[in-house]
C-alpha atoms as a PDB file:
ATOM      1  CA  MET A   1      -7.991  -0.154  19.859  1.00  0.00           C
ATOM      2  CA  GLU A   2      -5.763   1.294  22.521  1.00  0.00           C
ATOM      3  CA  LYS A   3      -3.751   4.523  22.255  1.00  0.00           C
ATOM      4  CA  ILE A   4      -0.510   3.232  21.268  1.00  0.00           C
ATOM      5  CA  GLU A   5      -1.749   1.803  18.693  1.00  0.00           C
ATOM      6  CA  LYS A   6      -3.279   4.442  17.142  1.00  0.00           C
ATOM      7  CA  GLU A   7      -0.621   6.209  17.430  1.00  0.00           C
ATOM      8  CA  LYS A   8       1.486   3.595  15.690  1.00  0.00           C
ATOM      9  CA  THR A   9      -1.030   3.423  12.475  1.00  0.00           C
ATOM     10  CA  ARG A  10      -0.830   7.438  12.390  1.00  0.00           C
ATOM     11  CA  GLU A  11       2.708   6.993  12.425  1.00  0.00           C
ATOM     12  CA  LYS A  12       2.200   4.419   9.498  1.00  0.00           C
ATOM     13  CA  LEU A  13      -0.341   6.808   8.018  1.00  0.00           C
ATOM     14  CA  ARG A  14       1.854   9.949   7.830  1.00  0.00           C
ATOM     15  CA  ASN A  15       4.536   7.732   6.391  1.00  0.00           C
ATOM     16  CA  LEU A  16       2.545   6.370   3.588  1.00  0.00           C
ATOM     17  CA  GLU A  17       1.265   9.916   3.035  1.00  0.00           C
ATOM     18  CA  GLU A  18       5.016  10.630   2.259  1.00  0.00           C
ATOM     19  CA  TYR A  19       5.786   7.925   0.260  1.00  0.00           C
ATOM     20  CA  LEU A  20       2.141   8.847  -2.188  1.00  0.00           C
ATOM     21  CA  GLY A  21       3.509  12.314  -2.306  1.00  0.00           C
ATOM     22  CA  TYR A  22       6.696  11.044  -3.729  1.00  0.00           C
ATOM     23  CA  LEU A  23       4.871   8.878  -6.239  1.00  0.00           C
ATOM     24  CA  LEU A  24       2.595  11.275  -7.477  1.00  0.00           C
ATOM     25  CA  ILE A  25       5.769  13.667  -8.632  1.00  0.00           C
ATOM     26  CA  LEU A  26       7.202  10.635 -10.294  1.00  0.00           C
ATOM     27  CA  GLN A  27       3.846   9.921 -11.877  1.00  0.00           C
ATOM     28  CA  GLU A  28       4.042  13.287 -13.390  1.00  0.00           C
ATOM     29  CA  LYS A  29       7.569  12.916 -14.658  1.00  0.00           C
ATOM     30  CA  SER A  30       6.633   9.772 -16.295  1.00  0.00           C
ATOM     31  CA  LYS A  31       4.702  11.521 -19.120  1.00  0.00           C
ATOM     32  CA  SER A  32       5.169   7.668 -22.140  1.00  0.00           C
ATOM     33  CA  LYS A  33       5.384   4.414 -20.841  1.00  0.00           C
ATOM     34  CA  GLU A  34       8.919   4.178 -23.314  1.00  0.00           C
ATOM     35  CA  THR A  35      10.038   6.994 -20.861  1.00  0.00           C
ATOM     36  CA  PHE A  36       9.551   5.327 -17.742  1.00  0.00           C
ATOM     37  CA  VAL A  37      10.254   1.633 -19.386  1.00  0.00           C
ATOM     38  CA  ASN A  38      13.587   3.075 -20.596  1.00  0.00           C
ATOM     39  CA  ASN A  39      14.851   5.359 -17.504  1.00  0.00           C
ATOM     40  CA  PHE A  40      16.243   2.839 -15.025  1.00  0.00           C
ATOM     41  CA  GLU A  41      16.473   5.545 -12.489  1.00  0.00           C
ATOM     42  CA  LEU A  42      12.922   6.609 -12.339  1.00  0.00           C
ATOM     43  CA  TYR A  43      11.917   2.884 -12.635  1.00  0.00           C
ATOM     44  CA  GLY A  44      14.044   2.312  -9.349  1.00  0.00           C
ATOM     45  CA  LEU A  45      12.549   5.139  -7.793  1.00  0.00           C
ATOM     46  CA  VAL A  46       9.086   4.178  -8.842  1.00  0.00           C
ATOM     47  CA  GLU A  47       9.161   0.372  -7.166  1.00  0.00           C
ATOM     48  CA  ARG A  48      11.314   1.299  -3.799  1.00  0.00           C
ATOM     49  CA  TYR A  49       8.078   3.996  -3.128  1.00  0.00           C
ATOM     50  CA  LEU A  50       5.704   1.468  -4.120  1.00  0.00           C
ATOM     51  CA  GLN A  51       7.345  -1.388  -1.957  1.00  0.00           C
ATOM     52  CA  LEU A  52       7.398   1.235   0.632  1.00  0.00           C
ATOM     53  CA  SER A  53       3.776   2.619   0.752  1.00  0.00           C
ATOM     54  CA  VAL A  54       2.504  -1.072   0.440  1.00  0.00           C
ATOM     55  CA  GLN A  55       4.557  -2.091   3.222  1.00  0.00           C
ATOM     56  CA  CYS A  56       2.755   0.850   5.594  1.00  0.00           C
ATOM     57  CA  VAL A  57      -0.384  -0.559   4.696  1.00  0.00           C
ATOM     58  CA  LEU A  58       1.032  -4.512   5.893  1.00  0.00           C
ATOM     59  CA  ASP A  59       2.028  -2.784   9.326  1.00  0.00           C
ATOM     60  CA  ILE A  60      -1.432  -0.911   9.682  1.00  0.00           C
ATOM     61  CA  VAL A  61      -3.140  -4.396   9.210  1.00  0.00           C
ATOM     62  CA  ASN A  62      -0.303  -6.008  11.406  1.00  0.00           C
ATOM     63  CA  ILE A  63      -0.896  -3.545  14.141  1.00  0.00           C
ATOM     64  CA  PHE A  64      -5.057  -3.433  14.059  1.00  0.00           C
ATOM     65  CA  VAL A  65      -4.860  -7.149  13.735  1.00  0.00           C
ATOM     66  CA  LYS A  66      -2.437  -7.871  16.457  1.00  0.00           C
ATOM     67  CA  SER A  67      -4.602  -5.069  18.887  1.00  0.00           C
ATOM     68  CA  GLU A  68      -7.996  -6.978  18.007  1.00  0.00           C
ATOM     69  CA  GLU A  69      -7.825 -10.133  16.152  1.00  0.00           C
ATOM     70  CA  LYS A  70      -7.710 -13.342  19.217  1.00  0.00           C
ATOM     71  CA  ILE A  71      -6.726 -15.160  16.371  1.00  0.00           C
ATOM     72  CA  ARG A  72      -4.189 -14.633  13.929  1.00  0.00           C
ATOM     73  CA  PRO A  73      -4.508 -14.818  10.036  1.00  0.00           C
ATOM     74  CA  TYR A  74      -2.538 -17.095   8.169  1.00  0.00           C
ATOM     75  CA  ASP A  75      -1.492 -14.414   6.101  1.00  0.00           C
ATOM     76  CA  ASN A  76      -1.320 -10.708   4.874  1.00  0.00           C
ATOM     77  CA  TYR A  77      -4.665 -11.541   3.073  1.00  0.00           C
ATOM     78  CA  GLU A  78      -6.815 -12.328   5.710  1.00  0.00           C
ATOM     79  CA  GLY A  79      -5.075  -9.702   7.658  1.00  0.00           C
ATOM     80  CA  VAL A  80      -7.056  -7.352   5.261  1.00  0.00           C
ATOM     81  CA  ASP A  81      -9.973  -9.661   5.788  1.00  0.00           C
ATOM     82  CA  SER A  82     -10.106  -8.836   8.987  1.00  0.00           C
ATOM     83  CA  LEU A  83      -9.843  -4.880   8.555  1.00  0.00           C
ATOM     84  CA  VAL A  84     -13.154  -5.440   6.280  1.00  0.00           C
ATOM     85  CA  LYS A  85     -14.862  -7.560   9.563  1.00  0.00           C
ATOM     86  CA  ASN A  86     -14.199  -4.765  11.801  1.00  0.00           C
ATOM     87  CA  LEU A  87     -15.383  -2.081   9.755  1.00  0.00           C
ATOM     88  CA  VAL A  88     -11.897  -0.794   9.019  1.00  0.00           C
ATOM     89  CA  ILE A  89     -12.231  -0.624   4.989  1.00  0.00           C
ATOM     90  CA  SER A  90     -14.682  -1.631   2.518  1.00  0.00           C
ATOM     91  CA  GLU A  91     -14.392  -4.673   0.404  1.00  0.00           C
ATOM     92  CA  GLU A  92     -13.902  -2.873  -2.451  1.00  0.00           C
ATOM     93  CA  THR A  93     -10.701  -1.219  -0.858  1.00  0.00           C
ATOM     94  CA  ALA A  94      -9.149  -4.960   0.682  1.00  0.00           C
ATOM     95  CA  GLU A  95      -9.554  -6.479  -2.688  1.00  0.00           C
ATOM     96  CA  ASN A  96      -7.265  -3.535  -4.359  1.00  0.00           C
ATOM     97  CA  VAL A  97      -4.750  -3.686  -0.717  1.00  0.00           C
ATOM     98  CA  LYS A  98      -4.696  -7.504  -2.003  1.00  0.00           C
ATOM     99  CA  LYS A  99      -3.693  -6.993  -5.104  1.00  0.00           C
ATOM    100  CA  MET A 100      -1.223  -4.203  -4.273  1.00  0.00           C
ATOM    101  CA  ILE A 101       0.229  -6.883  -1.652  1.00  0.00           C
ATOM    102  CA  GLY A 102       0.831  -9.010  -4.141  1.00  0.00           C
ATOM    103  CA  LEU A 103       2.666  -6.412  -5.855  1.00  0.00           C
ATOM    104  CA  ARG A 104       4.899  -5.570  -3.246  1.00  0.00           C
ATOM    105  CA  ASN A 105       5.757  -9.659  -3.001  1.00  0.00           C
ATOM    106  CA  ILE A 106       6.797  -9.966  -6.700  1.00  0.00           C
ATOM    107  CA  LEU A 107       8.930  -6.493  -5.791  1.00  0.00           C
ATOM    108  CA  VAL A 108      10.617  -7.888  -3.321  1.00  0.00           C
ATOM    109  CA  HIS A 109      11.125 -11.189  -4.353  1.00  0.00           C
ATOM    110  CA  GLU A 110      11.599 -11.495  -8.230  1.00  0.00           C
ATOM    111  CA  TYR A 111      13.437  -8.366  -9.122  1.00  0.00           C
ATOM    112  CA  GLY A 112      14.311 -10.114 -12.475  1.00  0.00           C
ATOM    113  CA  LYS A 113      10.945 -10.933 -12.827  1.00  0.00           C
ATOM    114  CA  ILE A 114       9.248  -7.466 -12.887  1.00  0.00           C
ATOM    115  CA  ASP A 115       7.170  -6.147 -15.739  1.00  0.00           C
ATOM    116  CA  ARG A 116       8.632  -2.505 -15.992  1.00  0.00           C
ATOM    117  CA  GLU A 117       5.160  -1.979 -18.526  1.00  0.00           C
ATOM    118  CA  GLU A 118       3.140  -3.232 -15.311  1.00  0.00           C
ATOM    119  CA  ILE A 119       4.433  -1.058 -13.051  1.00  0.00           C
ATOM    120  CA  TYR A 120       4.305   2.105 -14.671  1.00  0.00           C
ATOM    121  CA  ASP A 121       0.369   1.121 -15.008  1.00  0.00           C
ATOM    122  CA  VAL A 122       0.027   0.881 -11.592  1.00  0.00           C
ATOM    123  CA  LEU A 123       1.678   4.086 -10.846  1.00  0.00           C
ATOM    124  CA  LYS A 124      -0.571   5.814 -13.663  1.00  0.00           C
ATOM    125  CA  ASN A 125      -3.809   3.868 -12.518  1.00  0.00           C
ATOM    126  CA  ASP A 126      -3.699   2.618  -8.974  1.00  0.00           C
ATOM    127  CA  LEU A 127      -2.513   5.087  -6.530  1.00  0.00           C
ATOM    128  CA  GLU A 128      -5.922   5.863  -5.523  1.00  0.00           C
ATOM    129  CA  ASP A 129      -6.211   2.769  -4.414  1.00  0.00           C
ATOM    130  CA  ILE A 130      -3.889   3.287  -1.527  1.00  0.00           C
ATOM    131  CA  GLU A 131      -5.182   6.374  -1.323  1.00  0.00           C
ATOM    132  CA  LYS A 132      -8.498   5.315  -0.221  1.00  0.00           C
ATOM    133  CA  PHE A 133      -7.180   2.833   2.215  1.00  0.00           C
ATOM    134  CA  LYS A 134      -5.157   5.766   3.775  1.00  0.00           C
ATOM    135  CA  LYS A 135      -8.844   7.786   3.960  1.00  0.00           C
ATOM    136  CA  GLU A 136     -10.607   4.603   5.051  1.00  0.00           C
ATOM    137  CA  VAL A 137      -8.119   3.791   8.008  1.00  0.00           C
ATOM    138  CA  SER A 138      -7.750   7.737   8.720  1.00  0.00           C
ATOM    139  CA  GLU A 139     -12.177   7.656   8.967  1.00  0.00           C
ATOM    140  CA  PHE A 140     -11.777   4.804  11.578  1.00  0.00           C
ATOM    141  CA  LEU A 141      -9.238   6.403  13.479  1.00  0.00           C
ATOM    142  CA  GLN A 142     -11.475   8.932  13.973  1.00  0.00           C
ATOM    143  CA  ARG A 143     -14.755   7.639  14.923  1.00  0.00           C
END
């Protein structure tokens, strides 16, 4: 990976860290599922920062793929597999990231069909998956 791609990746990691920080604050404010589901402002913020976080992940995947792969992946899921193949992230992290990509696709394309309880569960239980991705990519850049 060239110096410029590494810097672009680091910038995306900084953005990701910022968005995760906001999500952790919102996680604290979301004491109960009922409160979360009925508070459109809280829900809207969580939805937006989840979307931005996963977009940073996708941007990092795409930076890596453009830098390292001769054959372009068919989709974002194959792009994530490329990071596993090149020992950037673990298989476990890749599977979790793929779930997040699916969630992002729902957030971006199906506004009326989003299950607020599912978003609450992601907020409460899955932020560490994004954090682990960030950590593994950071460690790769330091090698």
